[in-house]
Amino acid sequence: MLVLVSLAFVATAAAHDCQNGTRPASEEKREGCDYYCWNTETKSWDKFFFGNGERCFYNNGDEGLCQNGECHLTTDSGVPNDTDAKIEETEEELEA
């Protein structure tokens, strides 16, 4: 009986660390804005997201902030984005 109570406590404690918007200590080096935790009741992985404004990064050095489960980069990744496209359109209009 004591073993079952102990196991239930451990499962509850582990599940408590897995909540949307909360970065568990075990996920400090996790790329992106999502992470998975094992659900002992369903015997499957549950997907969670870091909160909006939480710092995110990729192992290639890119950094950003989480927004709605996605990592929005604040460093120049070398890949064109919406802002780059608008600047290019404006420059073309000025040249015309």
N, C-alpha and C. Protein backbone atom coordinates (compact mmCIF):
# COMPACT_ATOMS: atom_id res chain seq x y z
N MET A 1 0.83 -1.19 0.00
CA MET A 1 0.00 0.00 0.00
C MET A 1 0.88 1.26 0.00
N LEU A 2 1.93 1.27 0.81
CA LEU A 2 2.82 2.42 0.88
C LEU A 2 3.48 2.67 -0.48
N VAL A 3 3.83 1.59 -1.17
CA VAL A 3 4.46 1.73 -2.49
C VAL A 3 3.51 2.42 -3.46
N LEU A 4 2.23 2.03 -3.46
CA LEU A 4 1.26 2.64 -4.36
C LEU A 4 1.06 4.12 -4.05
N VAL A 5 1.01 4.46 -2.79
CA VAL A 5 0.87 5.86 -2.40
C VAL A 5 2.09 6.64 -2.84
N SER A 6 3.28 6.07 -2.67
CA SER A 6 4.52 6.73 -3.08
C SER A 6 4.54 6.94 -4.59
N LEU A 7 4.15 5.92 -5.34
CA LEU A 7 4.13 6.04 -6.80
C LEU A 7 3.12 7.08 -7.25
N ALA A 8 1.98 7.13 -6.61
CA ALA A 8 0.97 8.13 -6.96
C ALA A 8 1.50 9.53 -6.70
N PHE A 9 2.23 9.70 -5.61
CA PHE A 9 2.80 11.01 -5.29
C PHE A 9 3.83 11.41 -6.33
N VAL A 10 4.69 10.49 -6.74
CA VAL A 10 5.72 10.77 -7.74
C VAL A 10 5.06 11.15 -9.06
N ALA A 11 4.04 10.40 -9.48
CA ALA A 11 3.36 10.70 -10.74
C ALA A 11 2.70 12.07 -10.69
N THR A 12 2.11 12.40 -9.56
CA THR A 12 1.47 13.71 -9.41
C THR A 12 2.51 14.82 -9.45
N ALA A 13 3.63 14.61 -8.80
CA ALA A 13 4.69 15.63 -8.79
C ALA A 13 5.24 15.83 -10.20
N ALA A 14 5.44 14.73 -10.94
CA ALA A 14 5.95 14.84 -12.30
C ALA A 14 4.95 15.56 -13.20
N ALA A 15 3.68 15.23 -13.06
CA ALA A 15 2.65 15.86 -13.88
C ALA A 15 2.54 17.35 -13.56
N HIS A 16 2.80 17.71 -12.31
CA HIS A 16 2.70 19.12 -11.91
C HIS A 16 3.72 19.97 -12.67
N ASP A 17 4.88 19.41 -13.00
CA ASP A 17 5.90 20.15 -13.73
C ASP A 17 5.51 20.36 -15.19
N CYS A 18 4.56 19.61 -15.67
CA CYS A 18 4.15 19.68 -17.08
C CYS A 18 2.85 20.45 -17.21
N GLN A 19 2.98 21.74 -17.42
CA GLN A 19 1.82 22.61 -17.60
C GLN A 19 2.16 23.62 -18.69
N ASN A 20 1.16 23.99 -19.48
CA ASN A 20 1.38 25.04 -20.47
C ASN A 20 1.83 26.31 -19.76
N GLY A 21 2.82 26.98 -20.34
CA GLY A 21 3.28 28.24 -19.79
C GLY A 21 4.33 28.11 -18.71
N THR A 22 4.64 26.90 -18.31
CA THR A 22 5.61 26.67 -17.24
C THR A 22 6.79 25.89 -17.81
N ARG A 23 7.98 26.42 -17.69
CA ARG A 23 9.16 25.71 -18.19
C ARG A 23 9.75 24.89 -17.06
N PRO A 24 9.59 23.56 -17.12
CA PRO A 24 10.19 22.71 -16.08
C PRO A 24 11.71 22.81 -16.12
N ALA A 25 12.34 22.63 -15.00
CA ALA A 25 13.81 22.70 -14.93
C ALA A 25 14.44 21.71 -15.91
N SER A 26 13.79 20.58 -16.13
CA SER A 26 14.33 19.57 -17.04
C SER A 26 14.32 20.02 -18.49
N GLU A 27 13.64 21.12 -18.80
CA GLU A 27 13.51 21.59 -20.18
C GLU A 27 14.29 22.88 -20.45
N GLU A 28 15.24 23.23 -19.58
CA GLU A 28 16.00 24.46 -19.73
C GLU A 28 16.78 24.51 -21.04
N LYS A 29 17.19 23.37 -21.57
CA LYS A 29 17.98 23.34 -22.79
C LYS A 29 17.17 22.87 -23.99
N ARG A 30 15.86 22.92 -23.88
CA ARG A 30 14.96 22.46 -24.94
C ARG A 30 14.83 23.50 -26.04
N GLU A 31 15.09 23.09 -27.29
CA GLU A 31 14.90 23.98 -28.44
C GLU A 31 13.42 24.28 -28.65
N GLY A 32 13.13 25.42 -29.24
CA GLY A 32 11.76 25.76 -29.61
C GLY A 32 10.89 26.11 -28.42
N CYS A 33 9.58 25.97 -28.59
CA CYS A 33 8.62 26.40 -27.57
C CYS A 33 7.70 25.28 -27.11
N ASP A 34 7.95 24.07 -27.53
CA ASP A 34 7.10 22.96 -27.10
C ASP A 34 7.94 21.89 -26.42
N TYR A 35 7.28 21.07 -25.62
CA TYR A 35 7.95 19.95 -24.97
C TYR A 35 6.91 18.89 -24.66
N TYR A 36 7.38 17.70 -24.36
CA TYR A 36 6.49 16.57 -24.13
C TYR A 36 6.73 15.98 -22.75
N CYS A 37 5.66 15.52 -22.13
CA CYS A 37 5.75 14.84 -20.84
C CYS A 37 4.96 13.55 -20.92
N TRP A 38 5.49 12.51 -20.30
CA TRP A 38 4.83 11.21 -20.30
C TRP A 38 3.62 11.25 -19.38
N ASN A 39 2.47 10.83 -19.89
CA ASN A 39 1.23 10.76 -19.13
C ASN A 39 1.03 9.31 -18.72
N THR A 40 1.20 9.03 -17.43
CA THR A 40 1.11 7.65 -16.95
C THR A 40 -0.31 7.10 -17.04
N GLU A 41 -1.31 7.98 -17.00
CA GLU A 41 -2.70 7.50 -17.08
C GLU A 41 -3.05 7.05 -18.49
N THR A 42 -2.68 7.83 -19.50
CA THR A 42 -3.01 7.48 -20.89
C THR A 42 -1.90 6.67 -21.56
N LYS A 43 -0.76 6.56 -20.88
CA LYS A 43 0.42 5.87 -21.43
C LYS A 43 0.80 6.44 -22.80
N SER A 44 0.83 7.76 -22.85
CA SER A 44 1.23 8.45 -24.08
C SER A 44 1.88 9.78 -23.71
N TRP A 45 2.47 10.42 -24.71
CA TRP A 45 3.14 11.70 -24.50
C TRP A 45 2.14 12.84 -24.67
N ASP A 46 2.12 13.78 -23.75
CA ASP A 46 1.30 14.98 -23.85
C ASP A 46 2.19 16.14 -24.27
N LYS A 47 1.70 16.96 -25.19
CA LYS A 47 2.46 18.10 -25.69
C LYS A 47 2.07 19.35 -24.91
N PHE A 48 3.08 20.11 -24.49
CA PHE A 48 2.87 21.36 -23.77
C PHE A 48 3.67 22.47 -24.44
N PHE A 49 3.34 23.71 -24.11
CA PHE A 49 4.01 24.86 -24.71
C PHE A 49 4.51 25.80 -23.63
N PHE A 50 5.68 26.41 -23.88
CA PHE A 50 6.17 27.44 -23.00
C PHE A 50 5.26 28.66 -23.17
N GLY A 51 5.20 29.51 -22.16
CA GLY A 51 4.32 30.68 -22.18
C GLY A 51 4.78 31.75 -23.15
N ASN A 52 3.85 32.61 -23.56
CA ASN A 52 4.18 33.74 -24.42
C ASN A 52 5.21 34.62 -23.72
N GLY A 53 6.21 35.04 -24.48
CA GLY A 53 7.27 35.88 -23.93
C GLY A 53 8.43 35.10 -23.33
N GLU A 54 8.29 33.78 -23.22
CA GLU A 54 9.37 32.93 -22.70
C GLU A 54 10.49 32.88 -23.73
N ARG A 55 11.72 33.00 -23.27
CA ARG A 55 12.88 32.94 -24.16
C ARG A 55 12.95 31.57 -24.83
N CYS A 56 13.25 31.56 -26.12
CA CYS A 56 13.43 30.30 -26.84
C CYS A 56 14.70 30.39 -27.68
N PHE A 57 15.18 29.26 -28.13
CA PHE A 57 16.42 29.23 -28.89
C PHE A 57 16.48 27.96 -29.71
N TYR A 58 17.43 27.95 -30.64
CA TYR A 58 17.75 26.76 -31.42
C TYR A 58 19.24 26.51 -31.27
N ASN A 59 19.65 25.27 -31.40
CA ASN A 59 21.05 24.92 -31.17
C ASN A 59 22.00 25.56 -32.18
N ASN A 60 21.47 26.13 -33.27
CA ASN A 60 22.34 26.81 -34.23
C ASN A 60 22.69 28.23 -33.78
N GLY A 61 22.15 28.65 -32.62
CA GLY A 61 22.45 29.96 -32.07
C GLY A 61 21.32 30.97 -32.20
N ASP A 62 20.30 30.67 -33.02
CA ASP A 62 19.17 31.59 -33.15
C ASP A 62 18.42 31.69 -31.83
N GLU A 63 17.97 32.89 -31.49
CA GLU A 63 17.22 33.13 -30.26
C GLU A 63 15.94 33.88 -30.59
N GLY A 64 14.95 33.73 -29.72
CA GLY A 64 13.69 34.42 -29.93
C GLY A 64 12.82 34.38 -28.70
N LEU A 65 11.54 34.67 -28.90
CA LEU A 65 10.55 34.63 -27.84
C LEU A 65 9.37 33.77 -28.29
N CYS A 66 8.84 32.99 -27.36
CA CYS A 66 7.69 32.15 -27.67
C CYS A 66 6.43 33.00 -27.80
N GLN A 67 5.63 32.66 -28.79
CA GLN A 67 4.33 33.30 -29.00
C GLN A 67 3.40 32.25 -29.58
N ASN A 68 2.36 31.90 -28.83
CA ASN A 68 1.38 30.90 -29.26
C ASN A 68 2.03 29.57 -29.67
N GLY A 69 3.03 29.16 -28.91
CA GLY A 69 3.67 27.87 -29.15
C GLY A 69 4.75 27.86 -30.21
N GLU A 70 5.04 29.02 -30.81
CA GLU A 70 6.07 29.10 -31.84
C GLU A 70 7.19 30.02 -31.38
N CYS A 71 8.41 29.72 -31.81
CA CYS A 71 9.56 30.54 -31.47
C CYS A 71 9.74 31.62 -32.54
N HIS A 72 9.46 32.86 -32.17
CA HIS A 72 9.63 33.99 -33.09
C HIS A 72 11.02 34.56 -32.86
N LEU A 73 11.87 34.42 -33.87
CA LEU A 73 13.28 34.77 -33.73
C LEU A 73 13.49 36.27 -33.55
N THR A 74 14.44 36.60 -32.69
CA THR A 74 14.85 37.98 -32.49
C THR A 74 16.25 38.19 -33.04
N THR A 75 16.89 37.10 -33.50
CA THR A 75 18.20 37.21 -34.13
C THR A 75 18.02 37.04 -35.63
N ASP A 76 18.93 37.56 -36.42
CA ASP A 76 18.85 37.44 -37.87
C ASP A 76 19.29 36.04 -38.26
N SER A 77 18.36 35.26 -38.76
CA SER A 77 18.66 33.87 -39.12
C SER A 77 19.16 33.75 -40.54
N GLY A 78 19.15 34.86 -41.31
CA GLY A 78 19.57 34.80 -42.70
C GLY A 78 18.46 34.37 -43.63
N VAL A 79 17.28 34.09 -43.09
CA VAL A 79 16.13 33.68 -43.89
C VAL A 79 15.19 34.87 -44.00
N PRO A 80 14.72 35.20 -45.22
CA PRO A 80 13.80 36.33 -45.36
C PRO A 80 12.53 36.13 -44.53
N ASN A 81 11.98 37.23 -44.01
CA ASN A 81 10.73 37.16 -43.26
C ASN A 81 9.77 38.21 -43.81
N ASP A 82 8.61 38.36 -43.21
CA ASP A 82 7.60 39.31 -43.69
C ASP A 82 8.12 40.74 -43.71
N THR A 83 8.90 41.12 -42.71
CA THR A 83 9.44 42.48 -42.64
C THR A 83 10.38 42.73 -43.81
N ASP A 84 11.24 41.74 -44.13
CA ASP A 84 12.16 41.87 -45.25
C ASP A 84 11.40 42.07 -46.56
N ALA A 85 10.31 41.32 -46.75
CA ALA A 85 9.51 41.41 -47.97
C ALA A 85 8.88 42.79 -48.10
N LYS A 86 8.39 43.37 -47.01
CA LYS A 86 7.77 44.70 -47.05
C LYS A 86 8.80 45.77 -47.37
N ILE A 87 9.99 45.64 -46.83
CA ILE A 87 11.07 46.61 -47.11
C ILE A 87 11.43 46.55 -48.59
N GLU A 88 11.52 45.34 -49.14
CA GLU A 88 11.87 45.17 -50.54
C GLU A 88 10.79 45.78 -51.44
N GLU A 89 9.51 45.58 -51.11
CA GLU A 89 8.41 46.16 -51.89
C GLU A 89 8.48 47.68 -51.86
N THR A 90 8.75 48.25 -50.70
CA THR A 90 8.84 49.70 -50.56
C THR A 90 10.00 50.25 -51.38
N GLU A 91 11.14 49.57 -51.37
CA GLU A 91 12.30 50.01 -52.15
C GLU A 91 11.99 49.98 -53.64
N GLU A 92 11.26 48.94 -54.10
CA GLU A 92 10.90 48.84 -55.51
C GLU A 92 9.94 49.97 -55.90
N GLU A 93 9.01 50.32 -55.01
CA GLU A 93 8.06 51.40 -55.28
C GLU A 93 8.80 52.73 -55.39
N LEU A 94 9.81 52.95 -54.56
CA LEU A 94 10.56 54.20 -54.58
C LEU A 94 11.39 54.32 -55.86
N GLU A 95 11.88 53.19 -56.37
CA GLU A 95 12.69 53.20 -57.58
C GLU A 95 11.85 53.43 -58.83
N ALA A 96 10.57 53.09 -58.78
CA ALA A 96 9.69 53.19 -59.96
C ALA A 96 9.30 54.60 -60.30
